[in-house]
Amino acid sequence: MTDPIEEQRQIIDKLYLIVKGSTPENASTSRCRFDYDHGYEDGSSSVGSEFVYFIGEEAKSLALDVNLRRPVMPLVKELHAKMKAHTGGDWDAFTLTIEEDGRVTTKFEYPNQ
């Protein structure tokens, strides 16, 4: 049996590579907020993303790289399903940040918080 935390980390690593690959080399920090809306009456869901990177103190916003972003929706849906099965947590968004020193953080947002 595989470790659920390791499975979650592997999905986050794939999302990290998409964000990192979308970040210009001269950027100091980048951040992407992934929204997961899974409350539609027909059972469907959607995934959105807001990508921002910083050149010095100036924030620049654009879409994730068109050649890299294709797997974002299935990855976010899979991460949500694995985390909900593991902890019962039902988040609706999270932010992945790549700091200037290369450190990566994630912050999950839960409804009614």
PDB file of N, CA and C in Angstrom:
ATOM      1  N   MET A   1       0.843  -1.187   0.000  1.00  0.00           N
ATOM      2  CA  MET A   1       0.000   0.000   0.000  1.00  0.00           C
ATOM      3  C   MET A   1       0.887   1.248   0.000  1.00  0.00           C
ATOM      4  N   THR A   2       0.514   2.230  -0.802  1.00  0.00           N
ATOM      5  CA  THR A   2       1.327   3.435  -0.881  1.00  0.00           C
ATOM      6  C   THR A   2       0.938   4.420   0.217  1.00  0.00           C
ATOM      7  N   ASP A   3       1.888   5.242   0.585  1.00  0.00           N
ATOM      8  CA  ASP A   3       1.716   6.247   1.630  1.00  0.00           C
ATOM      9  C   ASP A   3       0.880   7.415   1.079  1.00  0.00           C
ATOM     10  N   PRO A   4      -0.274   7.739   1.701  1.00  0.00           N
ATOM     11  CA  PRO A   4      -1.117   8.813   1.168  1.00  0.00           C
ATOM     12  C   PRO A   4      -0.425  10.174   1.171  1.00  0.00           C
ATOM     13  N   ILE A   5       0.421  10.427   2.145  1.00  0.00           N
ATOM     14  CA  ILE A   5       1.133  11.707   2.193  1.00  0.00           C
ATOM     15  C   ILE A   5       2.128  11.795   1.035  1.00  0.00           C
ATOM     16  N   GLU A   6       2.796  10.694   0.733  1.00  0.00           N
ATOM     17  CA  GLU A   6       3.730  10.661  -0.397  1.00  0.00           C
ATOM     18  C   GLU A   6       2.983  10.857  -1.718  1.00  0.00           C
ATOM     19  N   GLU A   7       1.811  10.248  -1.849  1.00  0.00           N
ATOM     20  CA  GLU A   7       1.004  10.430  -3.068  1.00  0.00           C
ATOM     21  C   GLU A   7       0.623  11.897  -3.241  1.00  0.00           C
ATOM     22  N   GLN A   8       0.224  12.549  -2.155  1.00  0.00           N
ATOM     23  CA  GLN A   8      -0.135  13.968  -2.205  1.00  0.00           C
ATOM     24  C   GLN A   8       1.076  14.819  -2.574  1.00  0.00           C
ATOM     25  N   ARG A   9       2.230  14.488  -1.986  1.00  0.00           N
ATOM     26  CA  ARG A   9       3.454  15.236  -2.278  1.00  0.00           C
ATOM     27  C   ARG A   9       3.829  15.123  -3.756  1.00  0.00           C
ATOM     28  N   GLN A  10       3.649  13.948  -4.329  1.00  0.00           N
ATOM     29  CA  GLN A  10       3.980  13.752  -5.742  1.00  0.00           C
ATOM     30  C   GLN A  10       3.087  14.602  -6.649  1.00  0.00           C
ATOM     31  N   ILE A  11       1.816  14.726  -6.296  1.00  0.00           N
ATOM     32  CA  ILE A  11       0.917  15.576  -7.089  1.00  0.00           C
ATOM     33  C   ILE A  11       1.321  17.042  -6.947  1.00  0.00           C
ATOM     34  N   ILE A  12       1.623  17.469  -5.718  1.00  0.00           N
ATOM     35  CA  ILE A  12       2.064  18.851  -5.495  1.00  0.00           C
ATOM     36  C   ILE A  12       3.362  19.110  -6.254  1.00  0.00           C
ATOM     37  N   ASP A  13       4.262  18.138  -6.304  1.00  0.00           N
ATOM     38  CA  ASP A  13       5.508  18.278  -7.076  1.00  0.00           C
ATOM     39  C   ASP A  13       5.213  18.522  -8.548  1.00  0.00           C
ATOM     40  N   LYS A  14       4.229  17.825  -9.110  1.00  0.00           N
ATOM     41  CA  LYS A  14       3.873  18.020 -10.519  1.00  0.00           C
ATOM     42  C   LYS A  14       3.319  19.425 -10.743  1.00  0.00           C
ATOM     43  N   LEU A  15       2.490  19.903  -9.816  1.00  0.00           N
ATOM     44  CA  LEU A  15       1.965  21.264  -9.920  1.00  0.00           C
ATOM     45  C   LEU A  15       3.097  22.284  -9.757  1.00  0.00           C
ATOM     46  N   TYR A  16       4.036  22.010  -8.857  1.00  0.00           N
ATOM     47  CA  TYR A  16       5.214  22.869  -8.682  1.00  0.00           C
ATOM     48  C   TYR A  16       5.966  23.006 -10.004  1.00  0.00           C
ATOM     49  N   LEU A  17       6.179  21.895 -10.705  1.00  0.00           N
ATOM     50  CA  LEU A  17       6.918  21.936 -11.965  1.00  0.00           C
ATOM     51  C   LEU A  17       6.198  22.782 -13.015  1.00  0.00           C
ATOM     52  N   ILE A  18       4.871  22.767 -13.007  1.00  0.00           N
ATOM     53  CA  ILE A  18       4.092  23.598 -13.931  1.00  0.00           C
ATOM     54  C   ILE A  18       4.276  25.074 -13.584  1.00  0.00           C
ATOM     55  N   VAL A  19       4.186  25.406 -12.283  1.00  0.00           N
ATOM     56  CA  VAL A  19       4.366  26.796 -11.857  1.00  0.00           C
ATOM     57  C   VAL A  19       5.803  27.239 -12.125  1.00  0.00           C
ATOM     58  N   LYS A  20       6.774  26.427 -11.766  1.00  0.00           N
ATOM     59  CA  LYS A  20       8.188  26.758 -11.978  1.00  0.00           C
ATOM     60  C   LYS A  20       8.471  26.945 -13.469  1.00  0.00           C
ATOM     61  N   GLY A  21       7.937  26.065 -14.297  1.00  0.00           N
ATOM     62  CA  GLY A  21       8.144  26.166 -15.736  1.00  0.00           C
ATOM     63  C   GLY A  21       7.468  27.366 -16.367  1.00  0.00           C
ATOM     64  N   SER A  22       6.469  27.931 -15.692  1.00  0.00           N
ATOM     65  CA  SER A  22       5.756  29.109 -16.184  1.00  0.00           C
ATOM     66  C   SER A  22       6.394  30.405 -15.698  1.00  0.00           C
ATOM     67  N   THR A  23       7.325  30.305 -14.755  1.00  0.00           N
ATOM     68  CA  THR A  23       7.948  31.468 -14.132  1.00  0.00           C
ATOM     69  C   THR A  23       9.184  31.902 -14.919  1.00  0.00           C
ATOM     70  N   PRO A  24       9.255  33.179 -15.327  1.00  0.00           N
ATOM     71  CA  PRO A  24      10.462  33.652 -16.010  1.00  0.00           C
ATOM     72  C   PRO A  24      11.697  33.505 -15.117  1.00  0.00           C
ATOM     73  N   GLU A  25      12.847  33.298 -15.749  1.00  0.00           N
ATOM     74  CA  GLU A  25      14.095  33.085 -14.986  1.00  0.00           C
ATOM     75  C   GLU A  25      14.451  34.257 -14.095  1.00  0.00           C
ATOM     76  N   ASN A  26      14.081  35.486 -14.494  1.00  0.00           N
ATOM     77  CA  ASN A  26      14.466  36.662 -13.705  1.00  0.00           C
ATOM     78  C   ASN A  26      13.468  36.987 -12.597  1.00  0.00           C
ATOM     79  N   ALA A  27      12.461  36.155 -12.404  1.00  0.00           N
ATOM     80  CA  ALA A  27      11.486  36.385 -11.331  1.00  0.00           C
ATOM     81  C   ALA A  27      12.082  35.944  -9.995  1.00  0.00           C
ATOM     82  N   SER A  28      11.735  36.683  -8.945  1.00  0.00           N
ATOM     83  CA  SER A  28      12.255  36.332  -7.623  1.00  0.00           C
ATOM     84  C   SER A  28      11.331  35.333  -6.920  1.00  0.00           C
ATOM     85  N   THR A  29      10.038  35.529  -7.039  1.00  0.00           N
ATOM     86  CA  THR A  29       9.049  34.703  -6.355  1.00  0.00           C
ATOM     87  C   THR A  29       7.885  34.483  -7.307  1.00  0.00           C
ATOM     88  N   SER A  30       7.244  33.343  -7.194  1.00  0.00           N
ATOM     89  CA  SER A  30       6.018  33.129  -7.965  1.00  0.00           C
ATOM     90  C   SER A  30       4.984  32.444  -7.084  1.00  0.00           C
ATOM     91  N   ARG A  31       3.723  32.647  -7.476  1.00  0.00           N
ATOM     92  CA  ARG A  31       2.633  32.120  -6.668  1.00  0.00           C
ATOM     93  C   ARG A  31       1.483  31.778  -7.606  1.00  0.00           C
ATOM     94  N   CYS A  32       0.858  30.643  -7.354  1.00  0.00           N
ATOM     95  CA  CYS A  32      -0.320  30.266  -8.121  1.00  0.00           C
ATOM     96  C   CYS A  32      -1.395  29.779  -7.163  1.00  0.00           C
ATOM     97  N   ARG A  33      -2.568  30.382  -7.287  1.00  0.00           N
ATOM     98  CA  ARG A  33      -3.724  29.969  -6.489  1.00  0.00           C
ATOM     99  C   ARG A  33      -4.616  29.125  -7.388  1.00  0.00           C
ATOM    100  N   PHE A  34      -4.883  27.917  -6.944  1.00  0.00           N
ATOM    101  CA  PHE A  34      -5.742  26.992  -7.672  1.00  0.00           C
ATOM    102  C   PHE A  34      -7.091  26.931  -6.964  1.00  0.00           C
ATOM    103  N   ASP A  35      -8.165  27.246  -7.685  1.00  0.00           N
ATOM    104  CA  ASP A  35      -9.523  27.156  -7.148  1.00  0.00           C
ATOM    105  C   ASP A  35     -10.139  25.847  -7.620  1.00  0.00           C
ATOM    106  N   TYR A  36     -10.834  25.178  -6.717  1.00  0.00           N
ATOM    107  CA  TYR A  36     -11.514  23.936  -7.068  1.00  0.00           C
ATOM    108  C   TYR A  36     -12.975  24.055  -6.658  1.00  0.00           C
ATOM    109  N   ASP A  37     -13.855  24.186  -7.635  1.00  0.00           N
ATOM    110  CA  ASP A  37     -15.280  24.307  -7.380  1.00  0.00           C
ATOM    111  C   ASP A  37     -15.935  22.982  -7.738  1.00  0.00           C
ATOM    112  N   HIS A  38     -16.394  22.268  -6.720  1.00  0.00           N
ATOM    113  CA  HIS A  38     -16.965  20.947  -6.947  1.00  0.00           C
ATOM    114  C   HIS A  38     -18.374  20.839  -6.375  1.00  0.00           C
ATOM    115  N   GLY A  39     -19.059  21.969  -6.290  1.00  0.00           N
ATOM    116  CA  GLY A  39     -20.387  21.974  -5.697  1.00  0.00           C
ATOM    117  C   GLY A  39     -21.517  22.139  -6.688  1.00  0.00           C
ATOM    118  N   TYR A  40     -21.281  21.889  -7.958  1.00  0.00           N
ATOM    119  CA  TYR A  40     -22.343  22.038  -8.949  1.00  0.00           C
ATOM    120  C   TYR A  40     -23.401  20.948  -8.780  1.00  0.00           C
ATOM    121  N   GLU A  41     -24.649  21.315  -9.000  1.00  0.00           N
ATOM    122  CA  GLU A  41     -25.765  20.378  -8.809  1.00  0.00           C
ATOM    123  C   GLU A  41     -25.670  19.156  -9.720  1.00  0.00           C
ATOM    124  N   ASP A  42     -25.117  19.338 -10.909  1.00  0.00           N
ATOM    125  CA  ASP A  42     -25.036  18.214 -11.852  1.00  0.00           C
ATOM    126  C   ASP A  42     -23.841  17.299 -11.579  1.00  0.00           C
ATOM    127  N   GLY A  43     -23.079  17.595 -10.504  1.00  0.00           N
ATOM    128  CA  GLY A  43     -21.941  16.756 -10.147  1.00  0.00           C
ATOM    129  C   GLY A  43     -20.643  17.135 -10.830  1.00  0.00           C
ATOM    130  N   SER A  44     -20.678  18.156 -11.690  1.00  0.00           N
ATOM    131  CA  SER A  44     -19.457  18.564 -12.384  1.00  0.00           C
ATOM    132  C   SER A  44     -18.599  19.437 -11.470  1.00  0.00           C
ATOM    133  N   SER A  45     -17.409  19.737 -11.930  1.00  0.00           N
ATOM    134  CA  SER A  45     -16.481  20.569 -11.167  1.00  0.00           C
ATOM    135  C   SER A  45     -15.660  21.416 -12.126  1.00  0.00           C
ATOM    136  N   SER A  46     -14.991  22.408 -11.569  1.00  0.00           N
ATOM    137  CA  SER A  46     -14.096  23.244 -12.381  1.00  0.00           C
ATOM    138  C   SER A  46     -12.856  23.593 -11.566  1.00  0.00           C
ATOM    139  N   VAL A  47     -11.792  23.858 -12.280  1.00  0.00           N
ATOM    140  CA  VAL A  47     -10.524  24.269 -11.669  1.00  0.00           C
ATOM    141  C   VAL A  47     -10.080  25.553 -12.353  1.00  0.00           C
ATOM    142  N   GLY A  48      -9.733  26.534 -11.544  1.00  0.00           N
ATOM    143  CA  GLY A  48      -9.193  27.787 -12.074  1.00  0.00           C
ATOM    144  C   GLY A  48      -7.839  28.046 -11.455  1.00  0.00           C
ATOM    145  N   SER A  49      -7.082  28.937 -12.075  1.00  0.00           N
ATOM    146  CA  SER A  49      -5.781  29.288 -11.510  1.00  0.00           C
ATOM    147  C   SER A  49      -5.513  30.769 -11.713  1.00  0.00           C
ATOM    148  N   GLU A  50      -4.824  31.353 -10.721  1.00  0.00           N
ATOM    149  CA  GLU A  50      -4.373  32.738 -10.773  1.00  0.00           C
ATOM    150  C   GLU A  50      -2.868  32.707 -10.531  1.00  0.00           C
ATOM    151  N   PHE A  51      -2.092  33.040 -11.548  1.00  0.00           N
ATOM    152  CA  PHE A  51      -0.637  32.948 -11.487  1.00  0.00           C
ATOM    153  C   PHE A  51      -0.026  34.345 -11.441  1.00  0.00           C
ATOM    154  N   VAL A  52       0.848  34.563 -10.464  1.00  0.00           N
ATOM    155  CA  VAL A  52       1.529  35.845 -10.294  1.00  0.00           C
ATOM    156  C   VAL A  52       3.005  35.568 -10.035  1.00  0.00           C
ATOM    157  N   TYR A  53       3.865  36.387 -10.635  1.00  0.00           N
ATOM    158  CA  TYR A  53       5.293  36.310 -10.299  1.00  0.00           C
ATOM    159  C   TYR A  53       5.805  37.727 -10.064  1.00  0.00           C
ATOM    160  N   PHE A  54       6.945  37.816  -9.398  1.00  0.00           N
ATOM    161  CA  PHE A  54       7.493  39.114  -9.023  1.00  0.00           C
ATOM    162  C   PHE A  54       8.862  39.326  -9.644  1.00  0.00           C
ATOM    163  N   ILE A  55       9.026  40.499 -10.252  1.00  0.00           N
ATOM    164  CA  ILE A  55      10.328  40.976 -10.713  1.00  0.00           C
ATOM    165  C   ILE A  55      10.637  42.146  -9.779  1.00  0.00           C
ATOM    166  N   GLY A  56      11.554  41.913  -8.848  1.00  0.00           N
ATOM    167  CA  GLY A  56      11.776  42.909  -7.796  1.00  0.00           C
ATOM    168  C   GLY A  56      10.517  43.016  -6.961  1.00  0.00           C
ATOM    169  N   GLU A  57       9.993  44.228  -6.815  1.00  0.00           N
ATOM    170  CA  GLU A  57       8.767  44.451  -6.044  1.00  0.00           C
ATOM    171  C   GLU A  57       7.524  44.455  -6.936  1.00  0.00           C
ATOM    172  N   GLU A  58       7.715  44.366  -8.251  1.00  0.00           N
ATOM    173  CA  GLU A  58       6.598  44.483  -9.187  1.00  0.00           C
ATOM    174  C   GLU A  58       5.948  43.129  -9.476  1.00  0.00           C
ATOM    175  N   ALA A  59       4.648  43.063  -9.220  1.00  0.00           N
ATOM    176  CA  ALA A  59       3.893  41.832  -9.492  1.00  0.00           C
ATOM    177  C   ALA A  59       3.441  41.820 -10.941  1.00  0.00           C
ATOM    178  N   LYS A  60       3.568  40.680 -11.565  1.00  0.00           N
ATOM    179  CA  LYS A  60       3.104  40.488 -12.942  1.00  0.00           C
ATOM    180  C   LYS A  60       2.167  39.287 -12.930  1.00  0.00           C
ATOM    181  N   SER A  61       1.075  39.418 -13.650  1.00  0.00           N
ATOM    182  CA  SER A  61       0.085  38.352 -13.662  1.00  0.00           C
ATOM    183  C   SER A  61      -0.138  37.885 -15.096  1.00  0.00           C
ATOM    184  N   LEU A  62      -0.177  36.593 -15.276  1.00  0.00           N
ATOM    185  CA  LEU A  62      -0.507  36.016 -16.564  1.00  0.00           C
ATOM    186  C   LEU A  62      -0.950  34.583 -16.359  1.00  0.00           C
ATOM    187  N   ALA A  63      -1.316  33.925 -17.433  1.00  0.00           N
ATOM    188  CA  ALA A  63      -1.754  32.532 -17.343  1.00  0.00           C
ATOM    189  C   ALA A  63      -0.531  31.625 -17.227  1.00  0.00           C
ATOM    190  N   LEU A  64      -0.750  30.450 -16.672  1.00  0.00           N
ATOM    191  CA  LEU A  64       0.303  29.436 -16.672  1.00  0.00           C
ATOM    192  C   LEU A  64       0.660  29.101 -18.111  1.00  0.00           C
ATOM    193  N   ASP A  65       1.873  28.658 -18.321  1.00  0.00           N
ATOM    194  CA  ASP A  65       2.360  28.314 -19.658  1.00  0.00           C
ATOM    195  C   ASP A  65       1.380  27.372 -20.367  1.00  0.00           C
ATOM    196  N   VAL A  66       0.979  27.740 -21.560  1.00  0.00           N
ATOM    197  CA  VAL A  66      -0.027  26.983 -22.310  1.00  0.00           C
ATOM    198  C   VAL A  66       0.429  25.550 -22.593  1.00  0.00           C
ATOM    199  N   ASN A  67       1.723  25.337 -22.744  1.00  0.00           N
ATOM    200  CA  ASN A  67       2.236  23.998 -23.028  1.00  0.00           C
ATOM    201  C   ASN A  67       2.358  23.126 -21.783  1.00  0.00           C
ATOM    202  N   LEU A  68       2.306  23.748 -20.602  1.00  0.00           N
ATOM    203  CA  LEU A  68       2.478  23.007 -19.350  1.00  0.00           C
ATOM    204  C   LEU A  68       1.177  22.798 -18.586  1.00  0.00           C
ATOM    205  N   ARG A  69       0.188  23.672 -18.777  1.00  0.00           N
ATOM    206  CA  ARG A  69      -0.974  23.708 -17.887  1.00  0.00           C
ATOM    207  C   ARG A  69      -2.035  22.644 -18.146  1.00  0.00           C
ATOM    208  N   ARG A  70      -1.937  21.900 -19.214  1.00  0.00           N
ATOM    209  CA  ARG A  70      -2.972  20.915 -19.562  1.00  0.00           C
ATOM    210  C   ARG A  70      -3.322  19.976 -18.401  1.00  0.00           C
ATOM    211  N   PRO A  71      -2.360  19.435 -17.647  1.00  0.00           N
ATOM    212  CA  PRO A  71      -2.726  18.494 -16.576  1.00  0.00           C
ATOM    213  C   PRO A  71      -3.191  19.139 -15.268  1.00  0.00           C
ATOM    214  N   VAL A  72      -3.307  20.464 -15.209  1.00  0.00           N
ATOM    215  CA  VAL A  72      -3.666  21.121 -13.952  1.00  0.00           C
ATOM    216  C   VAL A  72      -5.003  20.623 -13.418  1.00  0.00           C
ATOM    217  N   MET A  73      -6.039  20.592 -14.243  1.00  0.00           N
ATOM    218  CA  MET A  73      -7.361  20.201 -13.740  1.00  0.00           C
ATOM    219  C   MET A  73      -7.365  18.792 -13.160  1.00  0.00           C
ATOM    220  N   PRO A  74      -6.886  17.773 -13.890  1.00  0.00           N
ATOM    221  CA  PRO A  74      -6.907  16.441 -13.271  1.00  0.00           C
ATOM    222  C   PRO A  74      -6.012  16.335 -12.034  1.00  0.00           C
ATOM    223  N   LEU A  75      -4.890  17.059 -11.992  1.00  0.00           N
ATOM    224  CA  LEU A  75      -4.009  17.007 -10.821  1.00  0.00           C
ATOM    225  C   LEU A  75      -4.685  17.613  -9.591  1.00  0.00           C
ATOM    226  N   VAL A  76      -5.336  18.760  -9.761  1.00  0.00           N
ATOM    227  CA  VAL A  76      -6.010  19.414  -8.631  1.00  0.00           C
ATOM    228  C   VAL A  76      -7.163  18.538  -8.138  1.00  0.00           C
ATOM    229  N   LYS A  77      -7.930  17.966  -9.058  1.00  0.00           N
ATOM    230  CA  LYS A  77      -9.033  17.086  -8.665  1.00  0.00           C
ATOM    231  C   LYS A  77      -8.508  15.848  -7.925  1.00  0.00           C
ATOM    232  N   GLU A  78      -7.407  15.279  -8.418  1.00  0.00           N
ATOM    233  CA  GLU A  78      -6.825  14.095  -7.773  1.00  0.00           C
ATOM    234  C   GLU A  78      -6.289  14.437  -6.386  1.00  0.00           C
ATOM    235  N   LEU A  79      -5.624  15.599  -6.256  1.00  0.00           N
ATOM    236  CA  LEU A  79      -5.102  16.022  -4.955  1.00  0.00           C
ATOM    237  C   LEU A  79      -6.253  16.196  -3.965  1.00  0.00           C
ATOM    238  N   HIS A  80      -7.327  16.832  -4.393  1.00  0.00           N
ATOM    239  CA  HIS A  80      -8.480  17.027  -3.509  1.00  0.00           C
ATOM    240  C   HIS A  80      -9.037  15.681  -3.058  1.00  0.00           C
ATOM    241  N   ALA A  81      -9.220  14.761  -3.997  1.00  0.00           N
ATOM    242  CA  ALA A  81      -9.786  13.444  -3.662  1.00  0.00           C
ATOM    243  C   ALA A  81      -8.893  12.691  -2.681  1.00  0.00           C
ATOM    244  N   LYS A  82      -7.577  12.722  -2.905  1.00  0.00           N
ATOM    245  CA  LYS A  82      -6.648  12.003  -2.026  1.00  0.00           C
ATOM    246  C   LYS A  82      -6.613  12.628  -0.630  1.00  0.00           C
ATOM    247  N   MET A  83      -6.619  13.955  -0.569  1.00  0.00           N
ATOM    248  CA  MET A  83      -6.586  14.609   0.745  1.00  0.00           C
ATOM    249  C   MET A  83      -7.893  14.391   1.493  1.00  0.00           C
ATOM    250  N   LYS A  84      -9.022  14.442   0.778  1.00  0.00           N
ATOM    251  CA  LYS A  84     -10.309  14.231   1.439  1.00  0.00           C
ATOM    252  C   LYS A  84     -10.405  12.799   1.968  1.00  0.00           C
ATOM    253  N   ALA A  85      -9.923  11.836   1.195  1.00  0.00           N
ATOM    254  CA  ALA A  85      -9.945  10.436   1.634  1.00  0.00           C
ATOM    255  C   ALA A  85      -9.019  10.220   2.836  1.00  0.00           C
ATOM    256  N   HIS A  86      -7.898  10.944   2.863  1.00  0.00           N
ATOM    257  CA  HIS A  86      -6.896  10.757   3.919  1.00  0.00           C
ATOM    258  C   HIS A  86      -7.268  11.479   5.214  1.00  0.00           C
ATOM    259  N   THR A  87      -7.733  12.737   5.092  1.00  0.00           N
ATOM    260  CA  THR A  87      -7.962  13.548   6.295  1.00  0.00           C
ATOM    261  C   THR A  87      -9.410  13.983   6.483  1.00  0.00           C
ATOM    262  N   GLY A  88     -10.220  13.838   5.445  1.00  0.00           N
ATOM    263  CA  GLY A  88     -11.586  14.344   5.517  1.00  0.00           C
ATOM    264  C   GLY A  88     -11.686  15.819   5.171  1.00  0.00           C
ATOM    265  N   GLY A  89     -10.529  16.466   4.949  1.00  0.00           N
ATOM    266  CA  GLY A  89     -10.509  17.896   4.612  1.00  0.00           C
ATOM    267  C   GLY A  89     -11.124  18.150   3.253  1.00  0.00           C
ATOM    268  N   ASP A  90     -11.945  19.193   3.163  1.00  0.00           N
ATOM    269  CA  ASP A  90     -12.673  19.501   1.933  1.00  0.00           C
ATOM    270  C   ASP A  90     -12.354  20.937   1.510  1.00  0.00           C
ATOM    271  N   TRP A  91     -11.123  21.187   1.080  1.00  0.00           N
ATOM    272  CA  TRP A  91     -10.709  22.533   0.695  1.00  0.00           C
ATOM    273  C   TRP A  91     -11.311  22.911  -0.650  1.00  0.00           C
ATOM    274  N   ASP A  92     -11.365  24.237  -0.891  1.00  0.00           N
ATOM    275  CA  ASP A  92     -11.869  24.705  -2.174  1.00  0.00           C
ATOM    276  C   ASP A  92     -10.849  25.531  -2.945  1.00  0.00           C
ATOM    277  N   ALA A  93      -9.659  25.727  -2.358  1.00  0.00           N
ATOM    278  CA  ALA A  93      -8.575  26.427  -3.054  1.00  0.00           C
ATOM    279  C   ALA A  93      -7.277  26.201  -2.292  1.00  0.00           C
ATOM    280  N   PHE A  94      -6.172  26.342  -3.011  1.00  0.00           N
ATOM    281  CA  PHE A  94      -4.880  26.368  -2.334  1.00  0.00           C
ATOM    282  C   PHE A  94      -3.909  27.186  -3.156  1.00  0.00           C
ATOM    283  N   THR A  95      -2.915  27.713  -2.463  1.00  0.00           N
ATOM    284  CA  THR A  95      -1.894  28.530  -3.097  1.00  0.00           C
ATOM    285  C   THR A  95      -0.551  27.845  -2.960  1.00  0.00           C
ATOM    286  N   LEU A  96       0.140  27.712  -4.073  1.00  0.00           N
ATOM    287  CA  LEU A  96       1.490  27.156  -4.107  1.00  0.00           C
ATOM    288  C   LEU A  96       2.432  28.334  -4.366  1.00  0.00           C
ATOM    289  N   THR A  97       3.382  28.535  -3.458  1.00  0.00           N
ATOM    290  CA  THR A  97       4.331  29.646  -3.564  1.00  0.00           C
ATOM    291  C   THR A  97       5.745  29.108  -3.678  1.00  0.00           C
ATOM    292  N   ILE A  98       6.496  29.681  -4.619  1.00  0.00           N
ATOM    293  CA  ILE A  98       7.921  29.367  -4.760  1.00  0.00           C
ATOM    294  C   ILE A  98       8.675  30.624  -4.348  1.00  0.00           C
ATOM    295  N   GLU A  99       9.365  30.529  -3.228  1.00  0.00           N
ATOM    296  CA  GLU A  99      10.097  31.672  -2.685  1.00  0.00           C
ATOM    297  C   GLU A  99      11.401  31.891  -3.445  1.00  0.00           C
ATOM    298  N   GLU A 100      11.990  33.055  -3.232  1.00  0.00           N
ATOM    299  CA  GLU A 100      13.241  33.406  -3.904  1.00  0.00           C
ATOM    300  C   GLU A 100      14.355  32.405  -3.596  1.00  0.00           C
ATOM    301  N   ASP A 101      14.353  31.851  -2.379  1.00  0.00           N
ATOM    302  CA  ASP A 101      15.386  30.893  -1.982  1.00  0.00           C
ATOM    303  C   ASP A 101      15.081  29.465  -2.455  1.00  0.00           C
ATOM    304  N   GLY A 102      13.968  29.300  -3.212  1.00  0.00           N
ATOM    305  CA  GLY A 102      13.618  27.988  -3.737  1.00  0.00           C
ATOM    306  C   GLY A 102      12.664  27.201  -2.857  1.00  0.00           C
ATOM    307  N   ARG A 103      12.398  27.712  -1.670  1.00  0.00           N
ATOM    308  CA  ARG A 103      11.474  27.044  -0.754  1.00  0.00           C
ATOM    309  C   ARG A 103      10.067  27.055  -1.353  1.00  0.00           C
ATOM    310  N   VAL A 104       9.355  25.960  -1.187  1.00  0.00           N
ATOM    311  CA  VAL A 104       7.990  25.830  -1.708  1.00  0.00           C
ATOM    312  C   VAL A 104       7.028  25.659  -0.542  1.00  0.00           C
ATOM    313  N   THR A 105       5.945  26.443  -0.563  1.00  0.00           N
ATOM    314  CA  THR A 105       4.926  26.310   0.468  1.00  0.00           C
ATOM    315  C   THR A 105       3.559  26.158  -0.193  1.00  0.00           C
ATOM    316  N   THR A 106       2.653  25.505   0.521  1.00  0.00           N
ATOM    317  CA  THR A 106       1.266  25.418   0.081  1.00  0.00           C
ATOM    318  C   THR A 106       0.372  25.845   1.243  1.00  0.00           C
ATOM    319  N   LYS A 107      -0.689  26.559   0.906  1.00  0.00           N
ATOM    320  CA  LYS A 107      -1.664  26.981   1.902  1.00  0.00           C
ATOM    321  C   LYS A 107      -3.041  26.639   1.365  1.00  0.00           C
ATOM    322  N   PHE A 108      -3.762  25.796   2.105  1.00  0.00           N
ATOM    323  CA  PHE A 108      -5.080  25.342   1.684  1.00  0.00           C
ATOM    324  C   PHE A 108      -6.159  26.200   2.320  1.00  0.00           C
ATOM    325  N   GLU A 109      -7.213  26.476   1.557  1.00  0.00           N
ATOM    326  CA  GLU A 109      -8.338  27.287   2.013  1.00  0.00           C
ATOM    327  C   GLU A 109      -9.575  26.398   2.115  1.00  0.00           C
ATOM    328  N   TYR A 110     -10.196  26.461   3.272  1.00  0.00           N
ATOM    329  CA  TYR A 110     -11.389  25.663   3.527  1.00  0.00           C
ATOM    330  C   TYR A 110     -12.607  26.576   3.630  1.00  0.00           C
ATOM    331  N   PRO A 111     -13.768  26.118   3.155  1.00  0.00           N
ATOM    332  CA  PRO A 111     -14.970  26.956   3.259  1.00  0.00           C
ATOM    333  C   PRO A 111     -15.243  27.290   4.729  1.00  0.00           C
ATOM    334  N   ASN A 112     -15.839  28.446   4.938  1.00  0.00           N
ATOM    335  CA  ASN A 112     -16.218  28.900   6.288  1.00  0.00           C
ATOM    336  C   ASN A 112     -15.015  29.105   7.204  1.00  0.00           C
ATOM    337  N   GLN A 113     -13.886  29.463   6.630  1.00  0.00           N
ATOM    338  CA  GLN A 113     -12.704  29.786   7.465  1.00  0.00           C
ATOM    339  C   GLN A 113     -12.432  31.244   7.393  1.00  0.00           C
TER     340      GLN A 113
END
